[in-house]
Protein backbone atom coordinates (compact mmCIF):
# COMPACT_ATOMS: atom_id res chain seq x y z
CA MET A 1 7.79 8.45 -10.50
CA VAL A 2 4.84 8.86 -7.94
CA SER A 3 6.11 9.38 -4.41
CA CYS A 4 5.41 7.01 -1.55
CA GLU A 5 3.80 9.55 0.36
CA LYS A 6 1.49 10.80 -2.41
CA ARG A 7 0.25 7.08 -2.66
CA LYS A 8 -0.53 7.07 0.83
CA ILE A 9 -2.56 10.35 0.52
CA ASN A 10 -4.35 8.88 -2.44
CA ASN A 11 -5.13 5.62 -0.86
CA LYS A 12 -6.82 7.41 2.01
CA ILE A 13 -9.83 8.13 -0.36
CA PHE A 14 -10.15 4.37 -1.04
CA LYS A 15 -10.14 3.18 2.40
CA VAL A 16 -13.90 3.49 2.18
CA GLU A 17 -14.07 1.02 -0.81
CA LYS A 18 -11.33 -1.31 -0.21
CA ASP A 19 -10.25 -3.37 2.69
CA LEU A 20 -7.59 -1.79 5.04
CA THR A 21 -5.51 -4.86 4.34
CA ASP A 22 -5.82 -4.58 0.32
CA ILE A 23 -4.66 -1.14 1.00
CA SER A 24 -1.71 -1.98 3.49
CA PHE A 25 -0.45 -4.41 0.87
CA TYR A 26 -0.76 -1.76 -1.79
CA LEU A 27 1.46 0.60 0.07
CA VAL A 28 3.99 -2.05 0.74
CA SER A 29 4.33 -3.22 -2.77
CA ILE A 30 4.55 0.49 -4.15
CA CYS A 31 6.89 1.78 -1.30
CA SER A 32 8.63 -1.53 -0.62
CA PRO A 33 9.08 -3.49 -4.03
CA GLU A 34 12.30 -4.78 -2.96
CA MET A 35 10.88 -6.53 0.34
CA PRO A 36 9.48 -9.87 0.25
CA LYS A 37 5.73 -9.57 -0.10
CA ASN A 38 5.04 -12.88 2.20
CA GLU A 39 6.59 -11.19 5.10
CA TYR A 40 3.64 -8.67 5.16
CA LEU A 41 1.17 -11.58 4.85
CA SER A 42 2.11 -12.95 8.14
């Protein structure tokens, strides 16, 4: 299993190519899959 911290480090590279919102949403879905996604869309 890939750790949440490692995902965050890897995503720093993609910030240039992807929107910050997409990255934040990606980290949320990876690190907190048990949380309702719609709460982070608000």
